[in-house]
N, C-alpha and C. Protein backbone atom coordinates (compact mmCIF):
# COMPACT_ATOMS: atom_id res chain seq x y z
N UNK A 1 35.11 -0.99 -0.38
CA UNK A 1 35.23 0.16 0.48
C UNK A 1 36.56 0.07 1.23
N UNK A 2 37.25 1.21 1.43
CA UNK A 2 38.52 1.20 2.13
C UNK A 2 38.76 2.52 2.85
N UNK A 3 39.72 2.50 3.79
CA UNK A 3 40.13 3.71 4.48
C UNK A 3 40.99 4.53 3.55
N UNK A 4 41.37 5.73 3.97
CA UNK A 4 42.21 6.59 3.15
C UNK A 4 43.56 5.95 2.83
N UNK A 5 44.05 5.10 3.72
CA UNK A 5 45.35 4.46 3.48
C UNK A 5 45.23 3.22 2.60
N UNK A 6 44.03 2.92 2.11
CA UNK A 6 43.84 1.79 1.21
C UNK A 6 43.51 0.48 1.89
N UNK A 7 43.42 0.47 3.21
CA UNK A 7 43.10 -0.77 3.92
C UNK A 7 41.65 -1.15 3.67
N UNK A 8 41.43 -2.43 3.53
CA UNK A 8 40.07 -2.94 3.31
C UNK A 8 39.30 -2.85 4.62
N UNK A 9 38.07 -2.38 4.53
CA UNK A 9 37.23 -2.28 5.73
C UNK A 9 36.44 -3.58 5.88
N UNK A 10 36.56 -4.16 7.04
CA UNK A 10 35.74 -5.31 7.40
C UNK A 10 34.93 -4.87 8.59
N UNK A 11 33.61 -4.97 8.48
CA UNK A 11 32.80 -4.51 9.61
C UNK A 11 32.86 -5.51 10.76
N UNK A 12 32.32 -5.10 11.89
CA UNK A 12 32.41 -5.89 13.11
C UNK A 12 31.73 -7.25 12.94
N UNK A 13 30.60 -7.29 12.24
CA UNK A 13 29.91 -8.57 12.06
C UNK A 13 30.77 -9.56 11.28
N UNK A 14 31.47 -9.09 10.26
CA UNK A 14 32.35 -9.97 9.49
C UNK A 14 33.51 -10.46 10.36
N UNK A 15 34.08 -9.57 11.14
CA UNK A 15 35.17 -9.96 12.04
C UNK A 15 34.71 -11.01 13.04
N UNK A 16 33.51 -10.82 13.60
CA UNK A 16 32.96 -11.80 14.56
C UNK A 16 32.76 -13.15 13.89
N UNK A 17 32.24 -13.15 12.66
CA UNK A 17 32.01 -14.42 11.95
C UNK A 17 33.33 -15.15 11.71
N UNK A 18 34.34 -14.42 11.30
CA UNK A 18 35.65 -15.04 11.05
C UNK A 18 36.22 -15.60 12.34
N UNK A 19 36.14 -14.82 13.43
CA UNK A 19 36.64 -15.27 14.72
C UNK A 19 35.89 -16.52 15.19
N UNK A 20 34.57 -16.51 15.09
CA UNK A 20 33.77 -17.66 15.53
C UNK A 20 34.07 -18.89 14.68
N UNK A 21 34.27 -18.71 13.38
CA UNK A 21 34.59 -19.83 12.50
C UNK A 21 35.93 -20.45 12.91
N UNK A 22 36.93 -19.59 13.18
CA UNK A 22 38.23 -20.11 13.59
C UNK A 22 38.17 -20.76 14.97
N UNK A 23 37.38 -20.19 15.87
CA UNK A 23 37.20 -20.78 17.20
C UNK A 23 36.53 -22.15 17.10
N UNK A 24 35.50 -22.26 16.30
CA UNK A 24 34.82 -23.54 16.11
C UNK A 24 35.74 -24.58 15.48
N UNK A 25 36.58 -24.14 14.53
CA UNK A 25 37.54 -25.06 13.92
C UNK A 25 38.54 -25.56 14.95
N UNK A 26 39.02 -24.68 15.82
CA UNK A 26 39.95 -25.08 16.88
C UNK A 26 39.28 -26.07 17.82
N UNK A 27 38.05 -25.80 18.22
CA UNK A 27 37.33 -26.70 19.12
C UNK A 27 37.14 -28.07 18.47
N UNK A 28 36.82 -28.07 17.20
CA UNK A 28 36.66 -29.33 16.46
C UNK A 28 37.98 -30.10 16.42
N UNK A 29 39.09 -29.39 16.16
CA UNK A 29 40.40 -30.04 16.09
C UNK A 29 40.85 -30.58 17.45
N UNK A 30 40.48 -29.86 18.52
CA UNK A 30 40.86 -30.30 19.86
C UNK A 30 40.18 -31.62 20.25
N UNK A 31 38.94 -31.77 19.83
CA UNK A 31 38.19 -32.96 20.23
C UNK A 31 38.06 -33.00 21.73
N UNK A 32 38.48 -34.09 22.36
CA UNK A 32 38.38 -34.22 23.81
C UNK A 32 39.67 -33.80 24.53
N UNK A 33 40.67 -33.34 23.77
CA UNK A 33 41.95 -32.95 24.36
C UNK A 33 41.92 -31.49 24.81
N UNK A 34 42.76 -31.17 25.80
CA UNK A 34 42.97 -29.76 26.09
C UNK A 34 44.11 -29.27 25.21
N UNK A 35 44.38 -27.99 25.22
CA UNK A 35 45.35 -27.41 24.29
C UNK A 35 46.76 -27.96 24.52
N UNK A 36 47.15 -28.17 25.77
CA UNK A 36 48.49 -28.68 26.04
C UNK A 36 48.66 -30.10 25.51
N UNK A 37 47.63 -30.91 25.57
CA UNK A 37 47.69 -32.25 24.99
C UNK A 37 47.71 -32.17 23.46
N UNK A 38 46.92 -31.30 22.91
CA UNK A 38 46.82 -31.14 21.46
C UNK A 38 48.16 -30.74 20.85
N UNK A 39 48.87 -29.80 21.49
CA UNK A 39 50.17 -29.35 20.99
C UNK A 39 51.33 -30.17 21.56
N UNK A 40 51.02 -31.19 22.37
CA UNK A 40 52.02 -32.07 22.97
C UNK A 40 53.07 -31.28 23.76
N UNK A 41 52.59 -30.52 24.73
CA UNK A 41 53.46 -29.68 25.56
C UNK A 41 53.80 -30.38 26.86
N UNK A 42 54.52 -29.72 27.72
CA UNK A 42 54.94 -30.22 29.02
C UNK A 42 53.76 -30.84 29.77
N UNK A 43 53.96 -32.03 30.34
CA UNK A 43 52.86 -32.72 31.02
C UNK A 43 52.39 -32.00 32.29
N UNK A 44 53.21 -31.13 32.86
CA UNK A 44 52.81 -30.35 34.03
C UNK A 44 52.04 -29.09 33.66
N UNK A 45 51.94 -28.83 32.36
CA UNK A 45 51.27 -27.64 31.85
C UNK A 45 49.86 -28.01 31.39
N UNK A 46 48.88 -27.29 31.87
CA UNK A 46 47.50 -27.54 31.49
C UNK A 46 46.92 -26.26 30.89
N UNK A 47 46.42 -26.34 29.67
CA UNK A 47 45.85 -25.17 29.00
C UNK A 47 44.44 -25.52 28.55
N UNK A 48 43.49 -24.76 29.07
CA UNK A 48 42.09 -25.01 28.76
C UNK A 48 41.48 -23.81 28.07
N UNK A 49 40.56 -24.08 27.17
CA UNK A 49 39.89 -23.06 26.38
C UNK A 49 38.42 -23.01 26.80
N UNK A 50 37.92 -21.80 27.09
CA UNK A 50 36.53 -21.61 27.46
C UNK A 50 35.91 -20.61 26.49
N UNK A 51 35.29 -21.10 25.41
CA UNK A 51 34.74 -20.18 24.41
C UNK A 51 33.51 -19.43 24.91
N UNK A 52 33.45 -18.16 24.57
CA UNK A 52 32.29 -17.30 24.85
C UNK A 52 31.75 -16.82 23.53
N UNK A 53 30.91 -15.81 23.54
CA UNK A 53 30.29 -15.33 22.31
C UNK A 53 31.29 -14.62 21.39
N UNK A 54 31.91 -13.54 21.86
CA UNK A 54 32.82 -12.74 21.03
C UNK A 54 34.28 -12.94 21.39
N UNK A 55 34.57 -13.77 22.37
CA UNK A 55 35.94 -13.97 22.84
C UNK A 55 36.03 -15.35 23.45
N UNK A 56 37.22 -15.71 23.88
CA UNK A 56 37.34 -16.95 24.64
C UNK A 56 38.34 -16.73 25.77
N UNK A 57 38.12 -17.43 26.85
CA UNK A 57 39.03 -17.41 27.98
C UNK A 57 40.01 -18.56 27.82
N UNK A 58 41.25 -18.29 28.16
CA UNK A 58 42.27 -19.32 28.13
C UNK A 58 42.89 -19.39 29.52
N UNK A 59 42.84 -20.57 30.11
CA UNK A 59 43.40 -20.77 31.45
C UNK A 59 44.65 -21.63 31.30
N UNK A 60 45.77 -21.08 31.73
CA UNK A 60 47.05 -21.77 31.67
C UNK A 60 47.49 -22.03 33.10
N UNK A 61 47.71 -23.29 33.43
CA UNK A 61 48.17 -23.60 34.78
C UNK A 61 49.36 -24.55 34.71
N UNK A 62 50.27 -24.35 35.62
CA UNK A 62 51.48 -25.16 35.70
C UNK A 62 51.72 -25.53 37.15
N UNK A 63 52.01 -26.80 37.38
CA UNK A 63 52.32 -27.27 38.73
C UNK A 63 53.57 -28.11 38.65
N UNK A 64 54.57 -27.72 39.41
CA UNK A 64 55.85 -28.41 39.43
C UNK A 64 55.88 -29.35 40.62
N UNK A 65 55.90 -30.65 40.37
CA UNK A 65 55.89 -31.64 41.44
C UNK A 65 57.24 -32.34 41.59
N UNK A 66 58.29 -31.71 41.15
CA UNK A 66 59.59 -32.37 41.14
C UNK A 66 60.30 -32.37 42.48
N UNK A 67 59.85 -31.60 43.44
CA UNK A 67 60.61 -31.43 44.66
C UNK A 67 59.91 -32.10 45.84
N UNK A 68 60.10 -33.39 45.95
CA UNK A 68 59.54 -34.12 47.08
C UNK A 68 60.70 -34.60 47.94
N UNK A 69 60.74 -34.10 49.16
CA UNK A 69 61.75 -34.54 50.11
C UNK A 69 61.09 -35.55 51.05
N UNK A 70 61.64 -36.74 51.07
CA UNK A 70 61.09 -37.78 51.95
C UNK A 70 61.81 -37.72 53.28
N UNK A 71 61.07 -37.31 54.31
CA UNK A 71 61.62 -37.23 55.65
C UNK A 71 61.84 -38.65 56.16
N UNK A 72 63.01 -38.93 56.73
CA UNK A 72 63.35 -40.31 57.12
C UNK A 72 62.37 -40.96 58.08
N UNK A 73 61.83 -40.21 59.03
CA UNK A 73 60.97 -40.85 60.02
C UNK A 73 59.48 -40.62 59.76
N UNK A 74 59.14 -39.99 58.63
CA UNK A 74 57.72 -39.72 58.31
C UNK A 74 57.20 -40.75 57.32
N UNK A 75 55.91 -41.03 57.38
CA UNK A 75 55.32 -41.88 56.33
C UNK A 75 55.43 -41.18 54.96
N UNK A 76 55.50 -41.97 53.91
CA UNK A 76 55.67 -41.45 52.56
C UNK A 76 54.59 -40.43 52.20
N UNK A 77 53.34 -40.73 52.51
CA UNK A 77 52.22 -39.83 52.19
C UNK A 77 52.36 -38.48 52.88
N UNK A 78 52.82 -38.49 54.13
CA UNK A 78 52.99 -37.24 54.87
C UNK A 78 54.11 -36.39 54.25
N UNK A 79 55.20 -37.03 53.85
CA UNK A 79 56.29 -36.30 53.18
C UNK A 79 55.80 -35.67 51.87
N UNK A 80 54.99 -36.41 51.11
CA UNK A 80 54.45 -35.88 49.86
C UNK A 80 53.51 -34.72 50.11
N UNK A 81 52.71 -34.83 51.17
CA UNK A 81 51.79 -33.74 51.52
C UNK A 81 52.56 -32.48 51.90
N UNK A 82 53.58 -32.62 52.73
CA UNK A 82 54.39 -31.48 53.14
C UNK A 82 55.10 -30.86 51.93
N UNK A 83 55.58 -31.69 51.04
CA UNK A 83 56.28 -31.20 49.85
C UNK A 83 55.36 -30.41 48.91
N UNK A 84 54.07 -30.67 48.99
CA UNK A 84 53.11 -29.91 48.16
C UNK A 84 53.24 -28.41 48.40
N UNK A 85 53.56 -28.02 49.63
CA UNK A 85 53.66 -26.60 49.97
C UNK A 85 54.95 -25.97 49.43
N UNK A 86 55.88 -26.80 49.02
CA UNK A 86 57.15 -26.32 48.49
C UNK A 86 57.15 -26.27 46.97
N UNK A 87 56.12 -26.80 46.35
CA UNK A 87 56.08 -26.86 44.90
C UNK A 87 55.55 -25.56 44.31
N UNK A 88 55.97 -25.30 43.12
CA UNK A 88 55.56 -24.09 42.41
C UNK A 88 54.24 -24.33 41.70
N UNK A 89 53.34 -23.37 41.81
CA UNK A 89 52.06 -23.45 41.12
C UNK A 89 51.77 -22.06 40.56
N UNK A 90 51.33 -22.03 39.31
CA UNK A 90 50.93 -20.75 38.72
C UNK A 90 49.73 -21.00 37.81
N UNK A 91 48.76 -20.10 37.90
CA UNK A 91 47.57 -20.16 37.05
C UNK A 91 47.36 -18.77 36.47
N UNK A 92 47.30 -18.70 35.15
CA UNK A 92 47.14 -17.42 34.46
C UNK A 92 45.90 -17.52 33.58
N UNK A 93 45.04 -16.52 33.66
CA UNK A 93 43.85 -16.48 32.83
C UNK A 93 43.95 -15.31 31.86
N UNK A 94 43.72 -15.62 30.60
CA UNK A 94 43.75 -14.62 29.54
C UNK A 94 42.40 -14.59 28.84
N UNK A 95 42.10 -13.46 28.23
CA UNK A 95 40.97 -13.34 27.31
C UNK A 95 41.54 -13.01 25.95
N UNK A 96 40.97 -13.60 24.93
CA UNK A 96 41.39 -13.32 23.57
C UNK A 96 40.14 -13.08 22.73
N UNK A 97 40.16 -12.02 21.94
CA UNK A 97 38.99 -11.70 21.14
C UNK A 97 39.28 -10.57 20.17
N UNK A 98 38.21 -10.04 19.60
CA UNK A 98 38.35 -8.94 18.65
C UNK A 98 38.00 -7.63 19.34
N UNK A 99 38.55 -6.54 18.83
CA UNK A 99 38.31 -5.22 19.41
C UNK A 99 36.86 -4.82 19.17
N UNK A 100 36.30 -4.07 20.10
CA UNK A 100 34.92 -3.59 19.95
C UNK A 100 34.89 -2.08 19.75
N UNK A 101 35.99 -1.55 19.23
CA UNK A 101 36.09 -0.11 18.99
C UNK A 101 35.09 0.31 17.91
N UNK A 102 34.27 1.30 18.21
CA UNK A 102 33.29 1.78 17.24
C UNK A 102 33.91 2.78 16.27
N UNK A 103 34.93 3.48 16.73
CA UNK A 103 35.56 4.51 15.91
C UNK A 103 36.26 3.89 14.70
N UNK A 104 37.04 2.87 14.94
CA UNK A 104 37.75 2.21 13.85
C UNK A 104 37.91 0.74 14.24
N UNK A 105 36.99 -0.11 13.79
CA UNK A 105 37.03 -1.52 14.20
C UNK A 105 38.37 -2.16 13.87
N UNK A 106 38.66 -3.21 14.58
CA UNK A 106 39.95 -3.85 14.47
C UNK A 106 40.20 -4.50 13.10
N UNK A 107 39.19 -4.89 12.40
CA UNK A 107 39.30 -5.50 11.09
C UNK A 107 40.03 -6.84 11.13
N UNK A 108 39.68 -7.67 12.10
CA UNK A 108 40.23 -9.02 12.15
C UNK A 108 39.78 -9.75 10.89
N UNK A 109 40.58 -10.45 10.19
CA UNK A 109 41.90 -11.00 10.48
C UNK A 109 43.07 -10.14 10.01
N UNK A 110 42.83 -8.92 9.55
CA UNK A 110 43.92 -8.08 9.06
C UNK A 110 44.70 -7.43 10.19
N UNK A 111 44.14 -7.40 11.36
CA UNK A 111 44.81 -6.94 12.57
C UNK A 111 44.76 -8.08 13.58
N UNK A 112 45.75 -8.19 14.45
CA UNK A 112 45.76 -9.33 15.39
C UNK A 112 44.64 -9.26 16.41
N UNK A 113 44.35 -10.42 16.97
CA UNK A 113 43.37 -10.50 18.05
C UNK A 113 43.89 -9.77 19.28
N UNK A 114 42.98 -9.37 20.14
CA UNK A 114 43.33 -8.69 21.38
C UNK A 114 43.52 -9.73 22.48
N UNK A 115 44.70 -9.73 23.08
CA UNK A 115 44.98 -10.57 24.24
C UNK A 115 44.92 -9.68 25.47
N UNK A 116 44.29 -10.18 26.53
CA UNK A 116 44.17 -9.41 27.76
C UNK A 116 44.42 -10.33 28.94
N UNK A 117 45.25 -9.88 29.87
CA UNK A 117 45.50 -10.63 31.08
C UNK A 117 44.31 -10.45 32.01
N UNK A 118 43.72 -11.56 32.44
CA UNK A 118 42.55 -11.49 33.31
C UNK A 118 42.98 -11.53 34.78
N UNK A 119 43.68 -12.59 35.18
CA UNK A 119 44.21 -12.66 36.55
C UNK A 119 45.31 -13.71 36.66
N UNK A 120 46.04 -13.64 37.75
CA UNK A 120 47.13 -14.57 38.03
C UNK A 120 47.00 -15.05 39.47
N UNK A 121 47.14 -16.36 39.65
CA UNK A 121 47.23 -16.95 40.99
C UNK A 121 48.53 -17.74 41.00
N UNK A 122 49.25 -17.68 42.10
CA UNK A 122 50.49 -18.45 42.15
C UNK A 122 50.90 -18.76 43.58
N UNK A 123 51.72 -19.79 43.67
CA UNK A 123 52.35 -20.17 44.93
C UNK A 123 53.82 -20.39 44.60
N UNK A 124 54.67 -19.75 45.31
CA UNK A 124 56.10 -19.83 45.04
C UNK A 124 56.69 -18.43 45.14
N UNK A 125 57.99 -18.37 45.16
CA UNK A 125 58.68 -17.09 45.29
C UNK A 125 59.15 -16.64 43.91
N UNK A 126 58.74 -15.45 43.50
CA UNK A 126 59.13 -14.92 42.20
C UNK A 126 59.80 -13.57 42.42
N UNK A 127 60.91 -13.35 41.75
CA UNK A 127 61.67 -12.12 41.88
C UNK A 127 61.09 -10.98 41.05
N UNK A 128 60.16 -11.29 40.16
CA UNK A 128 59.60 -10.27 39.28
C UNK A 128 58.10 -10.12 39.55
N UNK A 129 57.55 -9.00 39.13
CA UNK A 129 56.12 -8.77 39.20
C UNK A 129 55.48 -9.53 38.03
N UNK A 130 54.78 -10.61 38.31
CA UNK A 130 54.24 -11.47 37.26
C UNK A 130 53.20 -10.75 36.40
N UNK A 131 52.39 -9.90 37.01
CA UNK A 131 51.37 -9.17 36.26
C UNK A 131 52.02 -8.28 35.20
N UNK A 132 53.02 -7.51 35.60
CA UNK A 132 53.72 -6.64 34.64
C UNK A 132 54.44 -7.46 33.58
N UNK A 133 55.01 -8.57 34.00
CA UNK A 133 55.74 -9.42 33.05
C UNK A 133 54.81 -9.95 31.95
N UNK A 134 53.65 -10.51 32.35
CA UNK A 134 52.75 -11.08 31.35
C UNK A 134 52.08 -9.99 30.50
N UNK A 135 51.86 -8.82 31.05
CA UNK A 135 51.37 -7.71 30.23
C UNK A 135 52.42 -7.31 29.20
N UNK A 136 53.68 -7.34 29.60
CA UNK A 136 54.77 -7.06 28.65
C UNK A 136 54.80 -8.11 27.53
N UNK A 137 54.63 -9.38 27.88
CA UNK A 137 54.63 -10.45 26.88
C UNK A 137 53.46 -10.28 25.91
N UNK A 138 52.30 -9.87 26.43
CA UNK A 138 51.14 -9.62 25.56
C UNK A 138 51.47 -8.51 24.56
N UNK A 139 52.07 -7.43 25.03
CA UNK A 139 52.44 -6.33 24.12
C UNK A 139 53.48 -6.78 23.10
N UNK A 140 54.44 -7.58 23.54
CA UNK A 140 55.45 -8.11 22.63
C UNK A 140 54.81 -8.99 21.55
N UNK A 141 53.87 -9.81 21.96
CA UNK A 141 53.16 -10.69 21.03
C UNK A 141 52.40 -9.86 19.99
N UNK A 142 51.71 -8.83 20.44
CA UNK A 142 50.97 -7.97 19.53
C UNK A 142 51.91 -7.28 18.53
N UNK A 143 53.04 -6.76 19.02
CA UNK A 143 54.00 -6.11 18.13
C UNK A 143 54.56 -7.09 17.10
N UNK A 144 54.87 -8.30 17.55
CA UNK A 144 55.38 -9.32 16.61
C UNK A 144 54.38 -9.60 15.50
N UNK A 145 53.10 -9.71 15.89
CA UNK A 145 52.07 -9.99 14.89
C UNK A 145 51.84 -8.80 13.97
N UNK A 146 51.89 -7.59 14.52
CA UNK A 146 51.70 -6.39 13.70
C UNK A 146 52.82 -6.24 12.67
N UNK A 147 54.03 -6.69 13.02
CA UNK A 147 55.16 -6.59 12.11
C UNK A 147 55.25 -7.77 11.15
N UNK A 148 54.35 -8.73 11.30
CA UNK A 148 54.37 -9.92 10.45
C UNK A 148 53.67 -9.62 9.12
N UNK A 149 54.20 -10.19 8.07
CA UNK A 149 53.58 -10.04 6.75
C UNK A 149 52.47 -11.04 6.51
N UNK A 150 52.36 -12.03 7.38
CA UNK A 150 51.37 -13.09 7.16
C UNK A 150 50.24 -13.04 8.17
N UNK A 151 49.88 -11.85 8.66
CA UNK A 151 48.84 -11.73 9.69
C UNK A 151 47.50 -12.27 9.20
N UNK A 152 47.18 -12.09 7.93
CA UNK A 152 45.88 -12.55 7.40
C UNK A 152 45.75 -14.06 7.40
N UNK A 153 46.87 -14.75 7.26
CA UNK A 153 46.81 -16.21 7.21
C UNK A 153 47.00 -16.85 8.58
N UNK A 154 47.09 -16.05 9.61
CA UNK A 154 47.30 -16.57 10.96
C UNK A 154 45.96 -16.97 11.58
N UNK A 155 45.78 -18.25 11.78
CA UNK A 155 44.56 -18.74 12.41
C UNK A 155 44.68 -18.65 13.92
N UNK A 156 43.54 -18.67 14.57
CA UNK A 156 43.47 -18.61 16.02
C UNK A 156 44.37 -19.68 16.65
N UNK A 157 44.35 -20.87 16.11
CA UNK A 157 45.15 -21.98 16.63
C UNK A 157 46.64 -21.61 16.65
N UNK A 158 47.13 -21.04 15.57
CA UNK A 158 48.55 -20.68 15.50
C UNK A 158 48.85 -19.47 16.39
N UNK A 159 47.91 -18.54 16.49
CA UNK A 159 48.09 -17.38 17.37
C UNK A 159 48.28 -17.85 18.81
N UNK A 160 47.45 -18.79 19.25
CA UNK A 160 47.55 -19.33 20.61
C UNK A 160 48.89 -20.04 20.79
N UNK A 161 49.29 -20.84 19.80
CA UNK A 161 50.55 -21.57 19.90
C UNK A 161 51.74 -20.61 19.96
N UNK A 162 51.73 -19.55 19.15
CA UNK A 162 52.81 -18.56 19.19
C UNK A 162 52.88 -17.87 20.55
N UNK A 163 51.71 -17.58 21.13
CA UNK A 163 51.69 -16.94 22.44
C UNK A 163 52.21 -17.89 23.51
N UNK A 164 51.78 -19.13 23.48
CA UNK A 164 52.24 -20.11 24.47
C UNK A 164 53.75 -20.30 24.36
N UNK A 165 54.24 -20.28 23.14
CA UNK A 165 55.68 -20.41 22.92
C UNK A 165 56.44 -19.27 23.63
N UNK A 166 55.86 -18.09 23.65
CA UNK A 166 56.50 -16.94 24.31
C UNK A 166 56.51 -17.07 25.84
N UNK A 167 55.50 -17.74 26.38
CA UNK A 167 55.41 -17.82 27.85
C UNK A 167 55.74 -19.20 28.41
N UNK A 168 56.10 -20.13 27.56
CA UNK A 168 56.35 -21.50 28.03
C UNK A 168 57.75 -21.65 28.62
N UNK A 169 57.93 -21.05 29.76
CA UNK A 169 59.19 -21.12 30.49
C UNK A 169 58.95 -21.69 31.89
N UNK A 170 57.83 -22.33 32.05
CA UNK A 170 57.40 -22.78 33.38
C UNK A 170 58.33 -23.82 33.99
N UNK A 171 58.96 -24.65 33.16
CA UNK A 171 59.84 -25.68 33.73
C UNK A 171 61.05 -25.08 34.42
N UNK A 172 61.32 -23.78 34.18
CA UNK A 172 62.43 -23.12 34.85
C UNK A 172 62.03 -22.53 36.20
N UNK A 173 60.74 -22.58 36.54
CA UNK A 173 60.31 -22.09 37.84
C UNK A 173 60.80 -23.07 38.89
N UNK A 174 61.59 -22.59 39.79
CA UNK A 174 62.14 -23.42 40.84
C UNK A 174 61.86 -22.75 42.17
N UNK A 175 60.96 -23.30 42.96
CA UNK A 175 60.59 -22.65 44.22
C UNK A 175 61.75 -22.62 45.24
N UNK A 176 62.78 -23.40 45.01
CA UNK A 176 63.89 -23.44 45.96
C UNK A 176 65.02 -22.49 45.61
N UNK A 177 64.90 -21.81 44.45
CA UNK A 177 65.95 -20.88 44.06
C UNK A 177 65.35 -19.48 43.90
N UNK A 178 66.18 -18.53 43.59
CA UNK A 178 65.72 -17.17 43.36
C UNK A 178 65.60 -16.86 41.88
N UNK A 179 65.53 -17.87 41.04
CA UNK A 179 65.38 -17.66 39.60
C UNK A 179 63.92 -17.36 39.32
N UNK A 180 63.70 -16.37 38.51
CA UNK A 180 62.38 -15.87 38.14
C UNK A 180 61.59 -15.52 39.34
């Protein structure tokens, strides 16, 4: 069975099964590691996966501890505590899953997964609107995948890695400058 344009129709149940199979494979491959450890990313970057029924939540958090000023007359612990307020912290929550459109189902894996920004928490000064920025990155990621010829062979694991690659600029966050 196919649409008028010749695309193969995959019903929602088949898409869910494929998504769940890929999610289970990723969880099996992760073992006891989180995603940032699994992909050997920046040690200040923590990426956790929270699988649900039809989607999974991805929590990305980054904490920059590079800026500790030791006050000459303060105890070391007090200087470190004060410096905590000067460090950059950002936590971004995303949802990733398949479309639930009844009119024309997404037909995963032939169409990319849906990425959605859930919320952002941060401490630090940013010159840009982070919510708009990450929504832009999500749209860019979707367009890149839609223009790819290998969308069918893209597993959830690689989709997550490609997305992280697009947003992995956290080491450039500097709370003492006006960059980003």
